[in-house]
């Protein structure tokens, strides 16, 4: 009896071990199948990404920007893949060129959408397309359409110019630097018949003359108003004024002024200029603005800080106005005292400035030329003052070194 029970117990134990082994095998099998599925799915996903990226490359090559999503390419590249993984024949240079052309096409299409509403900028856009090598079909248009848009743009520009010319002829415009002759030339040489723009050759001739007359009137009124208000003009150019009148086929009488009025205006303006120049000399602010405005010549030929160029301008302004120093609240004695003070100031300033230049480090050739010019000016000013370098705490040796 006991023997039978033991045999049964042993058999049951053996069956449990077998069942356990069976279930372990089942679990291992399930795990292996799951892992294979996971890795297989990952491989499939990578292949799908590569396939999408390759399709995007083909679309880029065909110019199908509306159906292209470059993010599919960027995703593959960010995961460590190369361009050759996408397409063995694809190089970095070709890829860069494809993306560059795509950006160009997108820009052109965007601009064309705006131009279709108001044709402005088509000429520049066509030049841009030419530089980028973008063909019309790549941006869903044709050369005929582009040329038609360009003609619309040219027509609009000419109409705007014609409007400006008409306003100037009526005396209500503000285009102070308008050239009526240039506008008429642009219209006549545009390829448009004047009648297409709503005008005629006779009207253009009339508008041009009336515009020049109003330009002359504007010239006179602005300058007279400024001078009457105590503000001087740098230059009142009589040839400029008379040229406007000649082009208008008019005379001073048509503006209600006389030659005496014109000469008087120029003289009063010169008096105001002379007063401004005298103030510049008095305040010794002439050192910085030494340019063509004062010298009447290339600034590179003038000694820096030379007060005599300012004095020369002052004398010219007085001569134009047929005036004297006393007419602007000065005298020869004041000028004789201001010039030596100016030489003294210039010599000190240039010496300090040139030393600073040298202390800043090895000067380049341009700076060396400036330093030589400064030293030459210092020597001239010391000579005019009857001074020696030692009087300004320097020496000929230092000046030679600064000019080297």
Protein backbone atom coordinates (compact mmCIF):
# COMPACT_ATOMS: atom_id res chain seq x y z
CA UNK A 1 0.00 0.00 0.00
CA UNK A 2 2.66 2.45 1.02
CA UNK A 3 4.67 1.39 -1.96
CA UNK A 4 1.83 2.20 -4.34
CA UNK A 5 1.28 5.67 -2.76
CA UNK A 6 5.01 6.48 -3.07
CA UNK A 7 5.04 5.51 -6.72
CA UNK A 8 2.02 7.72 -7.38
CA UNK A 9 3.65 10.66 -5.52
CA UNK A 10 6.87 10.26 -7.48
CA UNK A 11 4.94 10.16 -10.74
CA UNK A 12 3.07 13.38 -9.82
CA UNK A 13 6.33 15.17 -8.99
CA UNK A 14 7.79 14.15 -12.34
CA UNK A 15 4.71 15.47 -14.14
CA UNK A 16 4.98 18.86 -12.33
CA UNK A 17 8.59 19.22 -13.42
CA UNK A 18 7.65 18.44 -17.00
CA UNK A 19 4.80 20.96 -16.90
CA UNK A 20 7.05 23.63 -15.45
CA UNK A 21 9.61 23.02 -18.15
CA UNK A 22 6.85 23.20 -20.74
CA UNK A 23 5.60 26.54 -19.49
CA UNK A 24 9.13 27.94 -19.34
CA UNK A 25 9.62 26.97 -22.98
CA UNK A 26 6.31 28.60 -23.88
CA UNK A 27 7.29 31.83 -22.12
CA UNK A 28 10.70 31.90 -23.81
CA UNK A 29 9.07 31.29 -27.17
CA UNK A 30 6.63 34.18 -26.63
CA UNK A 31 9.46 36.50 -25.60
CA UNK A 32 11.51 35.58 -28.67
CA UNK A 33 8.54 36.12 -30.98
CA UNK A 34 7.80 39.50 -29.35
CA UNK A 35 11.39 40.70 -29.64
CA UNK A 36 11.54 39.63 -33.27
CA UNK A 37 8.33 41.53 -33.92
CA UNK A 38 9.68 44.65 -32.20
CA UNK A 39 12.98 44.62 -34.09
CA UNK A 40 11.24 43.74 -37.32
CA UNK A 41 8.87 46.66 -36.80
CA UNK A 42 11.82 49.02 -36.15
CA UNK A 43 13.53 47.88 -39.33
CA UNK A 44 10.31 48.39 -41.27
CA UNK A 45 9.93 51.91 -39.83
CA UNK A 46 13.50 52.82 -40.83
CA UNK A 47 12.94 51.49 -44.32
CA UNK A 48 9.73 53.50 -44.58
CA UNK A 49 11.55 56.70 -43.52
CA UNK A 50 14.27 56.08 -46.09
CA UNK A 51 11.66 55.45 -48.74
CA UNK A 52 9.86 58.70 -47.91
CA UNK A 53 13.14 60.63 -47.93
CA UNK A 54 14.01 59.21 -51.35
CA UNK A 55 10.61 60.27 -52.70
CA UNK A 56 11.21 63.80 -51.37
CA UNK A 57 14.52 63.93 -53.22
CA UNK A 58 12.79 62.91 -56.45
CA UNK A 59 10.17 65.62 -55.92
CA UNK A 60 12.88 68.19 -55.32
CA UNK A 61 14.59 67.17 -58.54
CA UNK A 62 11.30 67.60 -60.43
CA UNK A 63 10.49 70.92 -58.74
CA UNK A 64 7.30 69.57 -57.13
CA UNK A 65 7.52 71.86 -54.10
CA UNK A 66 3.77 71.68 -53.39
CA UNK A 67 4.09 67.94 -52.72
CA UNK A 68 7.50 68.03 -51.02
CA UNK A 69 8.13 67.88 -47.28
CA UNK A 70 11.90 68.29 -46.57
CA UNK A 71 11.29 67.35 -42.92
CA UNK A 72 11.23 63.70 -44.02
CA UNK A 73 14.80 64.15 -45.26
CA UNK A 74 15.89 66.03 -42.14
CA UNK A 75 14.46 63.30 -39.89
CA UNK A 76 16.55 60.63 -41.59
CA UNK A 77 19.70 62.75 -41.44
CA UNK A 78 19.16 63.56 -37.75
CA UNK A 79 19.00 59.82 -37.00
CA UNK A 80 22.57 59.46 -38.24
CA UNK A 81 21.88 58.37 -41.78
CA UNK A 82 23.77 59.91 -44.71
CA UNK A 83 22.58 61.27 -48.02
CA UNK A 84 24.00 58.19 -49.73
CA UNK A 85 21.72 56.01 -47.56
CA UNK A 86 18.78 57.88 -49.10
CA UNK A 87 20.14 57.81 -52.66
CA UNK A 88 23.62 56.47 -53.51
CA UNK A 89 23.93 59.01 -56.35
CA UNK A 90 23.04 62.04 -54.13
CA UNK A 91 25.93 64.33 -53.19
CA UNK A 92 26.07 67.10 -50.62
CA UNK A 93 26.54 69.65 -53.39
CA UNK A 94 23.46 68.44 -55.31
CA UNK A 95 21.36 68.35 -52.14
CA UNK A 96 22.39 71.89 -51.20
CA UNK A 97 21.57 73.09 -54.71
CA UNK A 98 18.17 71.37 -54.64
CA UNK A 99 17.24 73.05 -51.34
CA UNK A 100 18.59 76.41 -52.57
CA UNK A 101 16.47 76.23 -55.73
CA UNK A 102 13.42 75.17 -53.70
CA UNK A 103 13.72 78.26 -51.47
CA UNK A 104 14.04 80.38 -54.61
CA UNK A 105 10.92 78.88 -56.18
CA UNK A 106 8.91 79.36 -53.00
CA UNK A 107 10.01 83.03 -52.84
CA UNK A 108 9.11 83.60 -56.51
CA UNK A 109 5.66 82.03 -56.10
CA UNK A 110 5.04 84.15 -53.00
CA UNK A 111 6.05 87.32 -54.83
CA UNK A 112 4.00 86.39 -57.89
CA UNK A 113 0.92 86.08 -55.70
CA UNK A 114 1.49 89.65 -54.45
CA UNK A 115 2.30 90.94 -57.92
CA UNK A 116 -0.93 89.51 -59.31
CA UNK A 117 -2.74 91.95 -57.01
CA UNK A 118 -0.52 94.95 -57.79
CA UNK A 119 2.18 94.57 -60.46
CA UNK A 120 5.22 96.06 -58.77
CA UNK A 121 8.64 94.45 -58.69
CA UNK A 122 8.15 92.00 -61.56
CA UNK A 123 11.25 93.25 -63.37
CA UNK A 124 13.45 92.55 -60.35
CA UNK A 125 11.71 89.22 -59.81
CA UNK A 126 12.46 88.16 -63.40
CA UNK A 127 16.10 89.10 -62.87
CA UNK A 128 16.08 87.02 -59.66
CA UNK A 129 14.67 84.04 -61.56
CA UNK A 130 17.40 84.40 -64.17
CA UNK A 131 20.15 84.42 -61.55
CA UNK A 132 18.69 81.37 -59.80
CA UNK A 133 18.03 79.52 -63.03
CA UNK A 134 14.33 79.18 -62.18
CA UNK A 135 12.12 78.46 -65.17
CA UNK A 136 8.54 79.79 -65.35
CA UNK A 137 7.00 76.29 -65.36
CA UNK A 138 8.69 75.63 -61.99
CA UNK A 139 6.58 78.40 -60.44
CA UNK A 140 3.39 77.63 -62.39
CA UNK A 141 3.60 80.49 -64.89
CA UNK A 142 4.88 81.28 -68.39
CA UNK A 143 7.16 83.85 -69.97
CA UNK A 144 4.14 85.41 -71.70
CA UNK A 145 2.40 85.93 -68.37
CA UNK A 146 5.55 87.35 -66.79
CA UNK A 147 6.09 89.75 -69.71
CA UNK A 148 2.46 90.84 -69.47
CA UNK A 149 2.89 91.53 -65.75
CA UNK A 150 6.08 93.42 -66.49
CA UNK A 151 4.28 95.60 -69.03
CA UNK A 152 1.54 96.28 -66.46
CA UNK A 153 4.21 97.30 -63.99
CA UNK A 154 5.89 99.65 -66.46
CA UNK A 155 2.53 101.18 -67.31
CA UNK A 156 1.73 101.79 -63.64
CA UNK A 157 5.14 103.40 -63.04
CA UNK A 158 4.72 105.68 -66.06
CA UNK A 159 1.23 106.67 -64.95
CA UNK A 160 2.62 107.55 -61.50
CA UNK A 161 5.32 109.68 -63.14
CA UNK A 162 2.75 111.37 -65.35
CA UNK A 163 0.67 112.18 -62.27
CA UNK A 164 3.71 113.71 -60.56
CA UNK A 165 4.46 115.76 -63.68
CA UNK A 166 0.90 117.05 -63.82
CA UNK A 167 1.00 118.00 -60.14
CA UNK A 168 4.28 119.84 -60.66
CA UNK A 169 2.81 121.64 -63.66
CA UNK A 170 -0.10 122.78 -61.49
CA UNK A 171 2.30 123.92 -58.77
CA UNK A 172 0.92 121.58 -56.10
CA UNK A 173 3.76 119.03 -56.12
CA UNK A 174 6.65 118.72 -53.69
CA UNK A 175 9.19 116.83 -55.79
CA UNK A 176 11.97 119.36 -55.31
CA UNK A 177 14.49 117.31 -57.28
CA UNK A 178 12.09 116.35 -60.05
CA UNK A 179 13.48 116.43 -63.58
CA UNK A 180 10.50 117.05 -65.90
CA UNK A 181 12.65 116.46 -68.97
CA UNK A 182 13.66 113.00 -67.69
CA UNK A 183 10.02 112.05 -67.05
CA UNK A 184 8.99 113.03 -70.57
CA UNK A 185 11.94 111.08 -71.98
CA UNK A 186 10.95 107.99 -69.98
CA UNK A 187 7.41 108.16 -71.35
CA UNK A 188 8.49 108.77 -74.95
CA UNK A 189 11.07 105.94 -74.89
CA UNK A 190 8.96 103.44 -72.96
CA UNK A 191 7.41 101.66 -75.93
CA UNK A 192 4.00 103.00 -74.98
CA UNK A 193 2.14 105.41 -77.24
CA UNK A 194 1.33 108.57 -75.19
CA UNK A 195 -2.38 108.00 -75.92
CA UNK A 196 -2.16 104.60 -74.17
CA UNK A 197 -1.26 106.50 -71.01
CA UNK A 198 -4.01 109.05 -71.42
CA UNK A 199 -1.83 111.89 -72.71
CA UNK A 200 -0.44 113.34 -75.93
CA UNK A 201 2.89 114.65 -77.18
CA UNK A 202 1.50 118.20 -77.06
CA UNK A 203 0.44 117.82 -73.41
CA UNK A 204 3.84 116.40 -72.46
CA UNK A 205 5.64 119.40 -73.95
CA UNK A 206 3.28 121.78 -72.15
CA UNK A 207 3.56 119.90 -68.84
CA UNK A 208 7.35 119.90 -69.06
CA UNK A 209 7.57 123.68 -69.51
CA UNK A 210 5.04 124.45 -66.81
CA UNK A 211 6.76 122.02 -64.41
CA UNK A 212 10.13 123.72 -64.99
CA UNK A 213 8.54 127.11 -64.36
CA UNK A 214 7.07 125.93 -61.08
CA UNK A 215 10.42 124.38 -60.14
CA UNK A 216 12.02 127.79 -60.67
CA UNK A 217 9.28 129.44 -58.59
CA UNK A 218 9.79 126.87 -55.82
CA UNK A 219 13.57 127.48 -55.95
CA UNK A 220 13.03 131.20 -55.50
CA UNK A 221 10.39 130.94 -52.76
CA UNK A 222 12.36 128.46 -50.62
CA UNK A 223 15.55 130.47 -50.74
CA UNK A 224 13.85 133.81 -50.20
CA UNK A 225 11.88 132.41 -47.26
CA UNK A 226 15.04 131.02 -45.64
CA UNK A 227 17.07 134.19 -46.12
CA UNK A 228 14.20 136.37 -44.89
CA UNK A 229 14.07 134.15 -41.80
CA UNK A 230 17.78 134.62 -41.14
CA UNK A 231 18.87 131.17 -42.35
CA UNK A 232 21.57 130.93 -44.98
CA UNK A 233 21.86 128.50 -47.88
CA UNK A 234 25.23 126.90 -48.55
CA UNK A 235 25.06 127.92 -52.18
CA UNK A 236 22.65 129.99 -54.21
CA UNK A 237 23.45 128.89 -57.74
CA UNK A 238 22.28 131.45 -60.26
CA UNK A 239 23.13 129.17 -63.24
CA UNK A 240 20.85 126.50 -61.74
CA UNK A 241 18.00 129.00 -61.48
CA UNK A 242 18.46 130.50 -64.93
CA UNK A 243 18.68 126.99 -66.41
CA UNK A 244 15.22 126.19 -65.04
CA UNK A 245 13.82 129.36 -66.57
CA UNK A 246 15.44 128.59 -69.92
CA UNK A 247 13.97 125.09 -70.00
CA UNK A 248 10.58 126.54 -69.16
CA UNK A 249 10.92 129.09 -71.94
CA UNK A 250 10.29 131.81 -69.36
CA UNK A 251 11.97 134.85 -67.86
CA UNK A 252 12.27 136.51 -64.45
CA UNK A 253 9.24 138.63 -65.28
CA UNK A 254 7.09 135.50 -65.43
CA UNK A 255 7.89 135.00 -61.75
CA UNK A 256 7.40 138.65 -60.89
CA UNK A 257 11.03 139.25 -59.89
CA UNK A 258 13.88 141.29 -61.32
CA UNK A 259 17.62 140.88 -61.71
CA UNK A 260 18.06 143.32 -58.82
CA UNK A 261 15.91 141.10 -56.59
CA UNK A 262 18.06 138.10 -57.46
CA UNK A 263 21.34 139.91 -56.79
CA UNK A 264 19.96 141.26 -53.51
CA UNK A 265 18.92 137.79 -52.36
CA UNK A 266 22.35 136.37 -53.14
CA UNK A 267 24.05 139.23 -51.29
CA UNK A 268 21.88 138.88 -48.18
CA UNK A 269 22.51 135.13 -48.19
CA UNK A 270 26.27 135.72 -48.38
CA UNK A 271 26.09 138.09 -45.40
CA UNK A 272 24.35 135.38 -43.38
CA UNK A 273 26.95 132.84 -44.48
CA UNK A 274 29.77 135.20 -43.54
CA UNK A 275 28.30 135.63 -40.04
CA UNK A 276 28.10 131.84 -39.63
CA UNK A 277 31.69 131.42 -40.83
CA UNK A 278 32.91 134.16 -38.46
CA UNK A 279 31.23 132.33 -35.57
CA UNK A 280 32.97 129.11 -36.60
CA UNK A 281 36.32 130.93 -36.51
CA UNK A 282 35.57 132.57 -33.15
CA UNK A 283 34.57 129.32 -31.45
CA UNK A 284 37.49 127.40 -32.98
CA UNK A 285 35.13 124.68 -34.19
CA UNK A 286 36.68 125.07 -37.63
CA UNK A 287 39.14 122.30 -36.86
CA UNK A 288 36.71 119.46 -37.53
CA UNK A 289 34.72 120.75 -40.51
CA UNK A 290 37.74 121.41 -42.72
CA UNK A 291 36.38 119.93 -45.93
CA UNK A 292 35.40 120.97 -49.42
CA UNK A 293 32.77 123.24 -47.89
CA UNK A 294 35.56 125.52 -46.64
CA UNK A 295 38.55 124.77 -48.81
CA UNK A 296 36.96 124.62 -52.23
CA UNK A 297 39.44 121.83 -53.01
CA UNK A 298 40.17 118.23 -52.18
CA UNK A 299 40.44 118.01 -48.39
CA UNK A 300 43.47 115.71 -48.75
CA UNK A 301 45.39 118.65 -50.19
CA UNK A 302 44.65 120.93 -47.22
CA UNK A 303 46.63 121.10 -44.01
CA UNK A 304 44.52 119.81 -41.11
CA UNK A 305 43.39 122.48 -38.69
CA UNK A 306 44.36 125.39 -40.93
CA UNK A 307 42.17 128.40 -39.98
CA UNK A 308 43.14 130.25 -43.14
CA UNK A 309 40.86 128.06 -45.24
CA UNK A 310 37.97 129.27 -43.09
CA UNK A 311 39.22 132.81 -43.42
CA UNK A 312 39.39 132.35 -47.20
CA UNK A 313 35.73 131.32 -47.26
CA UNK A 314 34.83 134.31 -45.12
CA UNK A 315 36.54 136.67 -47.56
CA UNK A 316 34.77 135.07 -50.53
CA UNK A 317 31.38 135.46 -48.89
CA UNK A 318 32.06 139.09 -48.10
CA UNK A 319 33.15 139.68 -51.68
CA UNK A 320 29.90 138.23 -53.06
CA UNK A 321 27.91 140.54 -50.79
CA UNK A 322 30.26 143.47 -51.49
CA UNK A 323 30.53 143.85 -47.71
CA UNK A 324 33.19 144.47 -45.08
CA UNK A 325 34.08 142.82 -41.79
CA UNK A 326 32.37 145.67 -39.97
CA UNK A 327 29.08 144.73 -41.72
CA UNK A 328 29.08 141.39 -39.89
CA UNK A 329 30.16 142.76 -36.49
CA UNK A 330 33.90 142.15 -36.76
CA UNK A 331 37.09 143.95 -37.65
CA UNK A 332 40.52 143.29 -39.08
CA UNK A 333 41.97 143.56 -35.59
CA UNK A 334 39.75 140.72 -34.37
CA UNK A 335 40.72 138.52 -37.32
CA UNK A 336 44.41 139.29 -36.76
CA UNK A 337 44.04 138.10 -33.16
CA UNK A 338 41.94 135.01 -33.97
CA UNK A 339 44.34 133.51 -36.53
CA UNK A 340 47.41 133.19 -34.20
CA UNK A 341 45.17 131.71 -31.49
CA UNK A 342 43.93 129.21 -34.03
CA UNK A 343 47.47 128.24 -35.07
CA UNK A 344 48.37 127.72 -31.41
CA UNK A 345 45.30 125.57 -30.81
CA UNK A 346 45.91 123.49 -33.96
CA UNK A 347 49.58 122.86 -33.15
CA UNK A 348 48.72 121.64 -29.63
CA UNK A 349 45.83 119.51 -30.78
CA UNK A 350 47.68 117.89 -33.68
CA UNK A 351 50.70 117.10 -31.49
CA UNK A 352 48.49 115.40 -28.90
CA UNK A 353 46.43 113.59 -31.53
CA UNK A 354 49.47 112.29 -33.42
CA UNK A 355 51.09 111.04 -30.22
CA UNK A 356 47.88 109.17 -29.40
CA UNK A 357 47.92 107.58 -32.83
CA UNK A 358 51.41 106.25 -32.30
CA UNK A 359 50.65 105.05 -28.78
CA UNK A 360 47.66 103.07 -30.06
CA UNK A 361 49.98 100.60 -31.79
CA UNK A 362 51.71 100.04 -35.08
CA UNK A 363 49.92 102.35 -37.54
CA UNK A 364 48.89 101.19 -40.99
CA UNK A 365 49.97 103.01 -44.14
CA UNK A 366 46.91 105.24 -44.22
CA UNK A 367 47.44 106.29 -40.61
CA UNK A 368 51.12 106.95 -41.32
CA UNK A 369 50.17 109.30 -44.14
CA UNK A 370 47.78 111.12 -41.81
CA UNK A 371 50.52 111.42 -39.16
CA UNK A 372 52.98 112.83 -41.70
CA UNK A 373 50.43 115.39 -42.78
CA UNK A 374 49.78 116.33 -39.14
CA UNK A 375 53.49 116.80 -38.47
CA UNK A 376 53.87 118.94 -41.62
CA UNK A 377 51.00 121.12 -40.39
CA UNK A 378 52.58 121.45 -36.93
CA UNK A 379 55.86 122.67 -38.46
CA UNK A 380 54.02 125.23 -40.63
CA UNK A 381 52.01 126.55 -37.69
CA UNK A 382 55.07 126.83 -35.44
CA UNK A 383 56.86 128.74 -38.17
CA UNK A 384 53.92 131.14 -38.56
CA UNK A 385 53.89 131.69 -34.80
CA UNK A 386 57.66 132.15 -34.69
CA UNK A 387 57.93 129.31 -32.19
CA UNK A 388 60.28 126.36 -31.74
CA UNK A 389 59.24 122.74 -31.07
CA UNK A 390 60.62 123.08 -27.53
CA UNK A 391 58.05 125.81 -26.84
CA UNK A 392 55.40 123.08 -27.23
CA UNK A 393 57.24 120.48 -25.16
CA UNK A 394 58.46 118.54 -28.17
CA UNK A 395 61.54 118.44 -30.39
CA UNK A 396 62.56 118.02 -34.00
CA UNK A 397 63.64 114.48 -33.17
CA UNK A 398 60.17 113.56 -31.87
CA UNK A 399 58.47 115.20 -34.84
CA UNK A 400 60.72 113.24 -37.18
CA UNK A 401 59.84 110.05 -35.34
CA UNK A 402 56.11 110.80 -35.54
CA UNK A 403 56.39 111.43 -39.29
CA UNK A 404 58.53 108.34 -39.98
